C-alpha atoms as a PDB file:
ATOM      1  CA  MET A   1       4.445 -91.750 166.375  1.00  0.00           C
ATOM      2  CA  ALA A   2       7.075 -92.512 168.955  1.00  0.00           C
ATOM      3  CA  PRO A   3       7.727 -96.559 169.183  1.00  0.00           C
ATOM      4  CA  ALA A   4       6.551 -97.740 172.594  1.00  0.00           C
ATOM      5  CA  PRO A   5       9.456 -98.646 175.050  1.00  0.00           C
ATOM      6  CA  PRO A   6      10.405-102.486 175.385  1.00  0.00           C
ATOM      7  CA  ALA A   7       7.648-104.154 177.225  1.00  0.00           C
ATOM      8  CA  ASP A   8       8.214-105.703 180.402  1.00  0.00           C
ATOM      9  CA  GLY A   9      10.528-108.873 180.223  1.00  0.00           C
ATOM     10  CA  THR A  10      11.855-107.681 176.824  1.00  0.00           C
ATOM     11  CA  ALA A  11      14.747-105.933 175.358  1.00  0.00           C
ATOM     12  CA  GLU A  12      15.628-104.233 171.845  1.00  0.00           C
ATOM     13  CA  VAL A  13      19.175-103.997 170.326  1.00  0.00           C
ATOM     14  CA  TRP A  14      19.466-101.334 167.601  1.00  0.00           C
ATOM     15  CA  TRP A  15      22.431-102.300 165.244  1.00  0.00           C
ATOM     16  CA  ALA A  16      24.573 -99.856 163.103  1.00  0.00           C
ATOM     17  CA  HIS A  17      27.955 -99.564 161.558  1.00  0.00           C
ATOM     18  CA  ARG A  18      30.852 -97.003 162.259  1.00  0.00           C
ATOM     19  CA  GLN A  19      30.688 -96.480 158.395  1.00  0.00           C
ATOM     20  CA  ASP A  20      27.265 -94.629 159.607  1.00  0.00           C
ATOM     21  CA  ALA A  21      29.055 -91.652 161.011  1.00  0.00           C
ATOM     22  CA  ALA A  22      28.423 -88.197 159.535  1.00  0.00           C
ATOM     23  CA  GLU A  23      29.828 -84.891 160.855  1.00  0.00           C
ATOM     24  CA  ARG A  24      26.291 -83.412 161.411  1.00  0.00           C
ATOM     25  CA  TYR A  25      25.790 -85.867 164.309  1.00  0.00           C
ATOM     26  CA  LEU A  26      28.489 -83.962 166.080  1.00  0.00           C
ATOM     27  CA  ALA A  27      26.150 -81.260 166.996  1.00  0.00           C
ATOM     28  CA  LEU A  28      24.174 -83.993 169.124  1.00  0.00           C
ATOM     29  CA  LEU A  29      27.169 -84.319 171.265  1.00  0.00           C
ATOM     30  CA  ASP A  30      27.354 -82.352 174.706  1.00  0.00           C
ATOM     31  CA  GLU A  31      30.657 -80.701 175.949  1.00  0.00           C
ATOM     32  CA  THR A  32      31.985 -83.982 177.647  1.00  0.00           C
ATOM     33  CA  GLU A  33      31.070 -86.087 174.985  1.00  0.00           C
ATOM     34  CA  ARG A  34      32.773 -83.846 172.249  1.00  0.00           C
ATOM     35  CA  ARG A  35      35.664 -83.886 174.354  1.00  0.00           C
ATOM     36  CA  ARG A  36      36.118 -87.819 174.509  1.00  0.00           C
ATOM     37  CA  TRP A  37      35.191 -87.768 170.723  1.00  0.00           C
ATOM     38  CA  ALA A  38      38.200 -85.609 170.170  1.00  0.00           C
ATOM     39  CA  ALA A  39      40.500 -87.325 172.459  1.00  0.00           C
ATOM     40  CA  TYR A  40      40.376 -90.416 170.259  1.00  0.00           C
ATOM     41  CA  ARG A  41      43.509 -90.669 167.809  1.00  0.00           C
ATOM     42  CA  ARG A  42      42.246 -92.548 165.141  1.00  0.00           C
ATOM     43  CA  ASP A  43      39.330 -91.992 162.781  1.00  0.00           C
ATOM     44  CA  ALA A  44      37.985 -95.444 163.222  1.00  0.00           C
ATOM     45  CA  ASP A  45      37.706 -94.996 167.076  1.00  0.00           C
ATOM     46  CA  ARG A  46      36.009 -91.393 166.612  1.00  0.00           C
ATOM     47  CA  GLU A  47      33.649 -92.924 164.303  1.00  0.00           C
ATOM     48  CA  ARG A  48      32.702 -95.833 166.652  1.00  0.00           C
ATOM     49  CA  PHE A  49      32.289 -93.339 169.453  1.00  0.00           C
ATOM     50  CA  LEU A  50      29.928 -90.871 167.421  1.00  0.00           C
ATOM     51  CA  VAL A  51      27.680 -93.696 166.201  1.00  0.00           C
ATOM     52  CA  GLY A  52      27.307 -95.260 169.481  1.00  0.00           C
ATOM     53  CA  CYS A  53      26.413 -92.110 171.433  1.00  0.00           C
ATOM     54  CA  VAL A  54      24.123 -90.525 168.532  1.00  0.00           C
ATOM     55  CA  LEU A  55      22.426 -93.962 168.303  1.00  0.00           C
ATOM     56  CA  ALA A  56      21.816 -94.097 171.856  1.00  0.00           C
ATOM     57  CA  LYS A  57      20.305 -90.615 171.905  1.00  0.00           C
ATOM     58  CA  ALA A  58      18.371 -91.523 168.730  1.00  0.00           C
ATOM     59  CA  ALA A  59      16.715 -94.493 170.160  1.00  0.00           C
ATOM     60  CA  LEU A  60      15.765 -93.200 173.557  1.00  0.00           C
ATOM     61  CA  ALA A  61      14.715 -90.064 172.251  1.00  0.00           C
ATOM     62  CA  GLY A  62      12.006 -92.046 170.308  1.00  0.00           C
ATOM     63  CA  TYR A  63      10.747 -93.958 173.207  1.00  0.00           C
ATOM     64  CA  ALA A  64      10.557 -90.828 175.196  1.00  0.00           C
ATOM     65  CA  GLY A  65       8.818 -88.573 172.883  1.00  0.00           C
ATOM     66  CA  LEU A  66      11.928 -86.276 172.797  1.00  0.00           C
ATOM     67  CA  ARG A  67      14.191 -84.874 170.181  1.00  0.00           C
ATOM     68  CA  PRO A  68      17.713 -86.741 169.984  1.00  0.00           C
ATOM     69  CA  ALA A  69      19.308 -83.075 170.975  1.00  0.00           C
ATOM     70  CA  ASP A  70      17.207 -82.974 174.335  1.00  0.00           C
ATOM     71  CA  VAL A  71      18.781 -86.291 175.337  1.00  0.00           C
ATOM     72  CA  ARG A  72      21.372 -85.969 178.156  1.00  0.00           C
ATOM     73  CA  PHE A  73      23.293 -88.673 180.216  1.00  0.00           C
ATOM     74  CA  ASP A  74      24.525 -88.555 183.466  1.00  0.00           C
ATOM     75  CA  ARG A  75      27.866 -90.153 183.394  1.00  0.00           C
ATOM     76  CA  THR A  76      28.975 -89.497 186.831  1.00  0.00           C
ATOM     77  CA  CYS A  77      31.222 -92.161 188.079  1.00  0.00           C
ATOM     78  CA  ARG A  78      30.063 -93.867 191.317  1.00  0.00           C
ATOM     79  CA  GLN A  79      33.708 -94.017 192.782  1.00  0.00           C
ATOM     80  CA  CYS A  80      35.291 -90.786 192.225  1.00  0.00           C
ATOM     81  CA  GLY A  81      32.439 -88.382 190.818  1.00  0.00           C
ATOM     82  CA  GLU A  82      33.992 -87.896 187.341  1.00  0.00           C
ATOM     83  CA  PRO A  83      32.082 -87.864 184.213  1.00  0.00           C
ATOM     84  CA  HIS A  84      33.310 -91.248 182.780  1.00  0.00           C
ATOM     85  CA  GLY A  85      30.838 -93.688 184.528  1.00  0.00           C
ATOM     86  CA  LYS A  86      28.139 -95.558 182.698  1.00  0.00           C
ATOM     87  CA  PRO A  87      25.595 -93.191 180.724  1.00  0.00           C
ATOM     88  CA  ALA A  88      22.290 -92.975 182.757  1.00  0.00           C
ATOM     89  CA  PHE A  89      18.810 -91.553 180.920  1.00  0.00           C
ATOM     90  CA  ALA A  90      17.153 -90.572 184.338  1.00  0.00           C
ATOM     91  CA  GLY A  91      13.267 -90.084 184.408  1.00  0.00           C
ATOM     92  CA  TYR A  92      11.912 -92.561 181.947  1.00  0.00           C
ATOM     93  CA  GLY A  93      12.445 -95.880 183.265  1.00  0.00           C
ATOM     94  CA  LEU A  94      14.744 -97.121 180.745  1.00  0.00           C
ATOM     95  CA  GLY A  95      18.032 -98.879 180.781  1.00  0.00           C
ATOM     96  CA  HIS A  96      20.618 -98.729 177.945  1.00  0.00           C
ATOM     97  CA  SER A  97      23.960 -99.847 177.169  1.00  0.00           C
ATOM     98  CA  VAL A  98      26.277 -99.084 174.223  1.00  0.00           C
ATOM     99  CA  ALA A  99      29.112-101.287 172.323  1.00  0.00           C
ATOM    100  CA  HIS A 100      31.056-101.407 169.488  1.00  0.00           C
ATOM    101  CA  SER A 101      33.958-103.430 168.020  1.00  0.00           C
ATOM    102  CA  GLY A 102      35.442-103.269 164.488  1.00  0.00           C
ATOM    103  CA  ASP A 103      32.617-102.066 162.443  1.00  0.00           C
ATOM    104  CA  LEU A 104      29.805-102.952 164.233  1.00  0.00           C
ATOM    105  CA  VAL A 105      27.928-100.847 166.751  1.00  0.00           C
ATOM    106  CA  ALA A 106      24.815-101.945 169.271  1.00  0.00           C
ATOM    107  CA  VAL A 107      22.886-100.267 171.631  1.00  0.00           C
ATOM    108  CA  ALA A 108      20.654-102.503 173.883  1.00  0.00           C
ATOM    109  CA  VAL A 109      17.417-100.689 175.628  1.00  0.00           C
ATOM    110  CA  ALA A 110      15.399-102.358 178.610  1.00  0.00           C
ATOM    111  CA  GLY A 111      13.357-101.525 181.175  1.00  0.00           C
ATOM    112  CA  ASP A 112      15.589-103.146 183.602  1.00  0.00           C
ATOM    113  CA  PRO A 113      19.603-102.406 184.039  1.00  0.00           C
ATOM    114  CA  VAL A 114      20.810-103.771 180.817  1.00  0.00           C
ATOM    115  CA  GLY A 115      24.495-104.552 179.659  1.00  0.00           C
ATOM    116  CA  VAL A 116      25.326-105.301 175.830  1.00  0.00           C
ATOM    117  CA  ASP A 117      28.702-106.264 174.453  1.00  0.00           C
ATOM    118  CA  VAL A 118      29.925-107.354 171.034  1.00  0.00           C
ATOM    119  CA  GLU A 119      33.350-108.235 169.798  1.00  0.00           C
ATOM    120  CA  GLN A 120      35.265-109.132 166.482  1.00  0.00           C
ATOM    121  CA  VAL A 121      36.270-112.644 166.019  1.00  0.00           C
ATOM    122  CA  ASP A 122      37.350-112.549 162.167  1.00  0.00           C
ATOM    123  CA  GLY A 123      39.775-109.892 160.878  1.00  0.00           C
ATOM    124  CA  ARG A 124      40.806-108.271 164.174  1.00  0.00           C
ATOM    125  CA  SER A 125      43.302-105.414 163.737  1.00  0.00           C
ATOM    126  CA  HIS A 126      45.214-106.461 167.029  1.00  0.00           C
ATOM    127  CA  PRO A 127      45.600-110.326 168.242  1.00  0.00           C
ATOM    128  CA  LEU A 128      44.380-111.266 171.407  1.00  0.00           C
ATOM    129  CA  GLY A 129      46.387-110.459 174.354  1.00  0.00           C
ATOM    130  CA  GLY A 130      48.940-109.233 171.777  1.00  0.00           C
ATOM    131  CA  ASP A 131      50.297-112.495 171.122  1.00  0.00           C
ATOM    132  CA  GLY A 132      47.049-114.138 169.589  1.00  0.00           C
ATOM    133  CA  ASP A 133      47.074-116.870 172.415  1.00  0.00           C
ATOM    134  CA  PRO A 134      43.333-116.752 174.089  1.00  0.00           C
ATOM    135  CA  GLU A 135      44.789-119.126 176.998  1.00  0.00           C
ATOM    136  CA  SER A 136      47.462-116.633 178.098  1.00  0.00           C
ATOM    137  CA  LEU A 137      44.755-114.141 178.312  1.00  0.00           C
ATOM    138  CA  GLY A 138      42.372-116.473 179.733  1.00  0.00           C
ATOM    139  CA  ARG A 139      44.649-116.824 183.155  1.00  0.00           C
ATOM    140  CA  LEU A 140      44.221-112.991 183.664  1.00  0.00           C
ATOM    141  CA  VAL A 141      40.152-112.861 183.384  1.00  0.00           C
ATOM    142  CA  LEU A 142      38.879-116.555 183.433  1.00  0.00           C
ATOM    143  CA  SER A 143      38.024-118.648 186.679  1.00  0.00           C
ATOM    144  CA  ALA A 144      40.016-121.779 186.964  1.00  0.00           C
ATOM    145  CA  ALA A 145      36.659-123.617 186.017  1.00  0.00           C
ATOM    146  CA  GLU A 146      36.337-121.402 182.750  1.00  0.00           C
ATOM    147  CA  GLN A 147      40.104-121.738 181.806  1.00  0.00           C
ATOM    148  CA  ASP A 148      39.441-125.422 182.056  1.00  0.00           C
ATOM    149  CA  ALA A 149      36.717-125.342 179.824  1.00  0.00           C
ATOM    150  CA  LEU A 150      38.246-123.175 177.342  1.00  0.00           C
ATOM    151  CA  ALA A 151      41.076-125.812 177.234  1.00  0.00           C
ATOM    152  CA  GLN A 152      38.804-128.562 176.154  1.00  0.00           C
ATOM    153  CA  VAL A 153      37.847-126.706 173.133  1.00  0.00           C
ATOM    154  CA  PRO A 154      39.584-127.374 169.920  1.00  0.00           C
ATOM    155  CA  SER A 155      42.251-124.818 169.168  1.00  0.00           C
ATOM    156  CA  SER A 156      40.779-123.613 165.994  1.00  0.00           C
ATOM    157  CA  GLY A 157      37.837-122.132 167.774  1.00  0.00           C
ATOM    158  CA  ARG A 158      39.674-121.344 171.005  1.00  0.00           C
ATOM    159  CA  ALA A 159      39.592-117.551 170.146  1.00  0.00           C
ATOM    160  CA  ARG A 160      35.928-117.652 169.552  1.00  0.00           C
ATOM    161  CA  ALA A 161      35.075-119.577 172.696  1.00  0.00           C
ATOM    162  CA  PHE A 162      36.891-117.039 174.725  1.00  0.00           C
ATOM    163  CA  LEU A 163      35.482-113.855 173.041  1.00  0.00           C
ATOM    164  CA  THR A 164      32.270-115.387 173.702  1.00  0.00           C
ATOM    165  CA  ALA A 165      32.997-115.722 177.227  1.00  0.00           C
ATOM    166  CA  TRP A 166      34.353-112.140 177.377  1.00  0.00           C
ATOM    167  CA  THR A 167      31.376-110.553 175.776  1.00  0.00           C
ATOM    168  CA  ARG A 168      29.247-112.438 178.489  1.00  0.00           C
ATOM    169  CA  LYS A 169      31.046-111.163 181.401  1.00  0.00           C
ATOM    170  CA  GLU A 170      31.361-107.791 179.861  1.00  0.00           C
ATOM    171  CA  ALA A 171      27.710-107.546 179.346  1.00  0.00           C
ATOM    172  CA  VAL A 172      26.921-108.693 182.930  1.00  0.00           C
ATOM    173  CA  THR A 173      29.435-105.940 184.446  1.00  0.00           C
ATOM    174  CA  LYS A 174      28.112-103.209 182.069  1.00  0.00           C
ATOM    175  CA  ALA A 175      24.864-104.074 183.529  1.00  0.00           C
ATOM    176  CA  THR A 176      25.948-103.440 186.935  1.00  0.00           C
ATOM    177  CA  GLY A 177      27.761-100.562 185.783  1.00  0.00           C
ATOM    178  CA  ASP A 178      31.124-101.740 187.134  1.00  0.00           C
ATOM    179  CA  GLY A 179      32.383-102.380 183.625  1.00  0.00           C
ATOM    180  CA  LEU A 180      36.077-102.998 183.480  1.00  0.00           C
ATOM    181  CA  ARG A 181      36.497-102.126 186.997  1.00  0.00           C
ATOM    182  CA  ALA A 182      34.988-105.445 188.088  1.00  0.00           C
ATOM    183  CA  ALA A 183      37.016-108.632 188.662  1.00  0.00           C
ATOM    184  CA  PHE A 184      36.332-110.556 185.675  1.00  0.00           C
ATOM    185  CA  SER A 185      37.601-113.878 187.208  1.00  0.00           C
ATOM    186  CA  GLU A 186      34.826-113.722 189.818  1.00  0.00           C
ATOM    187  CA  VAL A 187      31.992-113.363 187.052  1.00  0.00           C
ATOM    188  CA  VAL A 188      31.788-116.585 186.064  1.00  0.00           C
ATOM    189  CA  VAL A 189      29.694-117.652 183.070  1.00  0.00           C
ATOM    190  CA  ALA A 190      29.417-120.605 180.678  1.00  0.00           C
ATOM    191  CA  VAL A 191      32.242-121.167 178.174  1.00  0.00           C
ATOM    192  CA  ASP A 192      31.094-124.148 176.233  1.00  0.00           C
ATOM    193  CA  ALA A 193      28.725-124.269 173.656  1.00  0.00           C
ATOM    194  CA  GLY A 194      25.706-124.402 175.722  1.00  0.00           C
ATOM    195  CA  PRO A 195      23.210-121.894 176.867  1.00  0.00           C
ATOM    196  CA  PRO A 196      24.482-118.782 178.148  1.00  0.00           C
ATOM    197  CA  ARG A 197      24.384-118.486 181.897  1.00  0.00           C
ATOM    198  CA  LEU A 198      25.931-116.528 185.034  1.00  0.00           C
ATOM    199  CA  ALA A 199      27.096-119.009 187.244  1.00  0.00           C
ATOM    200  CA  ALA A 200      28.690-117.043 190.064  1.00  0.00           C
ATOM    201  CA  TRP A 201      29.507-113.301 190.707  1.00  0.00           C
ATOM    202  CA  PRO A 202      30.844-111.005 193.670  1.00  0.00           C
ATOM    203  CA  TYR A 203      27.313-109.657 194.428  1.00  0.00           C
ATOM    204  CA  PRO A 204      24.723-110.312 197.058  1.00  0.00           C
ATOM    205  CA  ARG A 205      22.041-111.075 194.360  1.00  0.00           C
ATOM    206  CA  ASP A 206      21.267-114.365 193.146  1.00  0.00           C
ATOM    207  CA  PRO A 207      23.217-114.666 189.921  1.00  0.00           C
ATOM    208  CA  GLY A 208      20.283-117.087 188.664  1.00  0.00           C
ATOM    209  CA  GLU A 209      18.170-113.813 188.546  1.00  0.00           C
ATOM    210  CA  VAL A 210      20.295-112.380 185.805  1.00  0.00           C
ATOM    211  CA  THR A 211      19.339-112.949 182.367  1.00  0.00           C
ATOM    212  CA  LEU A 212      22.400-113.655 179.947  1.00  0.00           C
ATOM    213  CA  LEU A 213      21.802-113.938 176.238  1.00  0.00           C
ATOM    214  CA  ASP A 214      23.873-114.494 173.154  1.00  0.00           C
ATOM    215  CA  LEU A 215      22.951-112.251 170.345  1.00  0.00           C
ATOM    216  CA  ASP A 216      22.995-112.596 166.601  1.00  0.00           C
ATOM    217  CA  ALA A 217      25.353-110.528 165.444  1.00  0.00           C
ATOM    218  CA  ALA A 218      27.048-109.774 162.274  1.00  0.00           C
ATOM    219  CA  PRO A 219      29.276-112.727 160.784  1.00  0.00           C
ATOM    220  CA  GLY A 220      32.469-112.684 162.412  1.00  0.00           C
ATOM    221  CA  TYR A 221      31.318-111.141 165.402  1.00  0.00           C
ATOM    222  CA  VAL A 222      29.914-112.447 168.816  1.00  0.00           C
ATOM    223  CA  ALA A 223      27.779-110.387 171.145  1.00  0.00           C
ATOM    224  CA  ALA A 224      25.850-110.925 174.595  1.00  0.00           C
ATOM    225  CA  LEU A 225      23.141-109.599 176.487  1.00  0.00           C
ATOM    226  CA  ALA A 226      22.725-109.245 179.883  1.00  0.00           C
ATOM    227  CA  VAL A 227      19.596-107.815 182.042  1.00  0.00           C
ATOM    228  CA  LEU A 228      19.274-107.542 185.708  1.00  0.00           C
ATOM    229  CA  GLY A 229      16.023-109.348 185.766  1.00  0.00           C
ATOM    230  CA  ARG A 230      13.958-111.492 183.364  1.00  0.00           C
ATOM    231  CA  CYS A 231      14.045-110.913 179.575  1.00  0.00           C
ATOM    232  CA  ALA A 232      12.170-113.522 177.485  1.00  0.00           C
ATOM    233  CA  ALA A 233      12.735-112.004 174.363  1.00  0.00           C
ATOM    234  CA  VAL A 234      15.166-109.468 172.449  1.00  0.00           C
ATOM    235  CA  ALA A 235      13.959-107.559 169.297  1.00  0.00           C
ATOM    236  CA  PRO A 236      16.492-106.424 166.845  1.00  0.00           C
ATOM    237  CA  ARG A 237      16.037-103.013 165.333  1.00  0.00           C
ATOM    238  CA  ASP A 238      18.082-101.498 162.131  1.00  0.00           C
ATOM    239  CA  GLY A 239      20.128 -98.511 163.932  1.00  0.00           C
ATOM    240  CA  SER A 240      21.609 -97.558 160.687  1.00  0.00           C
ATOM    241  CA  ALA A 241      18.116 -96.479 159.257  1.00  0.00           C
ATOM    242  CA  LEU A 242      17.285 -94.693 162.414  1.00  0.00           C
ATOM    243  CA  LEU A 243      20.486 -92.511 162.164  1.00  0.00           C
ATOM    244  CA  ALA A 244      19.770 -92.001 158.270  1.00  0.00           C
ATOM    245  CA  GLU A 245      16.805 -90.323 159.513  1.00  0.00           C
ATOM    246  CA  LEU A 246      18.253 -87.866 161.698  1.00  0.00           C
ATOM    247  CA  PRO A 247      18.770 -84.043 160.043  1.00  0.00           C
END
């Protein structure tokens, strides 16, 4: 029996790992997705993309009563019309978002527009900003208030605080569909250890209507979820097990 779609006011997040990638999943990619997969130069990047794409299809197929092979995404960019926009699964009233970092992959599903982001904190292959200084990177993507808040964090926790703010911003802009095209310094979120919240953004809608939540990711990672609407609960799901069930 297909699982019921997330109820109103809830979201589900499917968690998997890049090591779940298997060659047989390539058959589930369409032509555009296969080209993107082949364009990655590193095996780890190809694995992350493959797991994220196939996990999204498997999860949405379950809610919609389809086969994963029958799930097709519209990736048309709203700006230029090229197929690199936020993937949309039309006709079923479900929003979804994909994120991956390090060995972790997440797919969020909700009845409203949703965005998810995850970032590796410990053991990153590349330091923040290239030089490991979160404050210098923060001057590019944080508002003045966020930079002040980051400066108050002890140096030992500054990288985690910056990445926490980054995942919150990224989740919000992925929910809107703007992603990295948005001016991150204008998407103002809480940087301190208090509850996550969206304080301001460059859109007419009241930022208070956006639900912003931190997620319990794997140790060494931070993650955030944004829903353009009310979201009172988030249910974690085993994406690795779902992938293992695919033929």
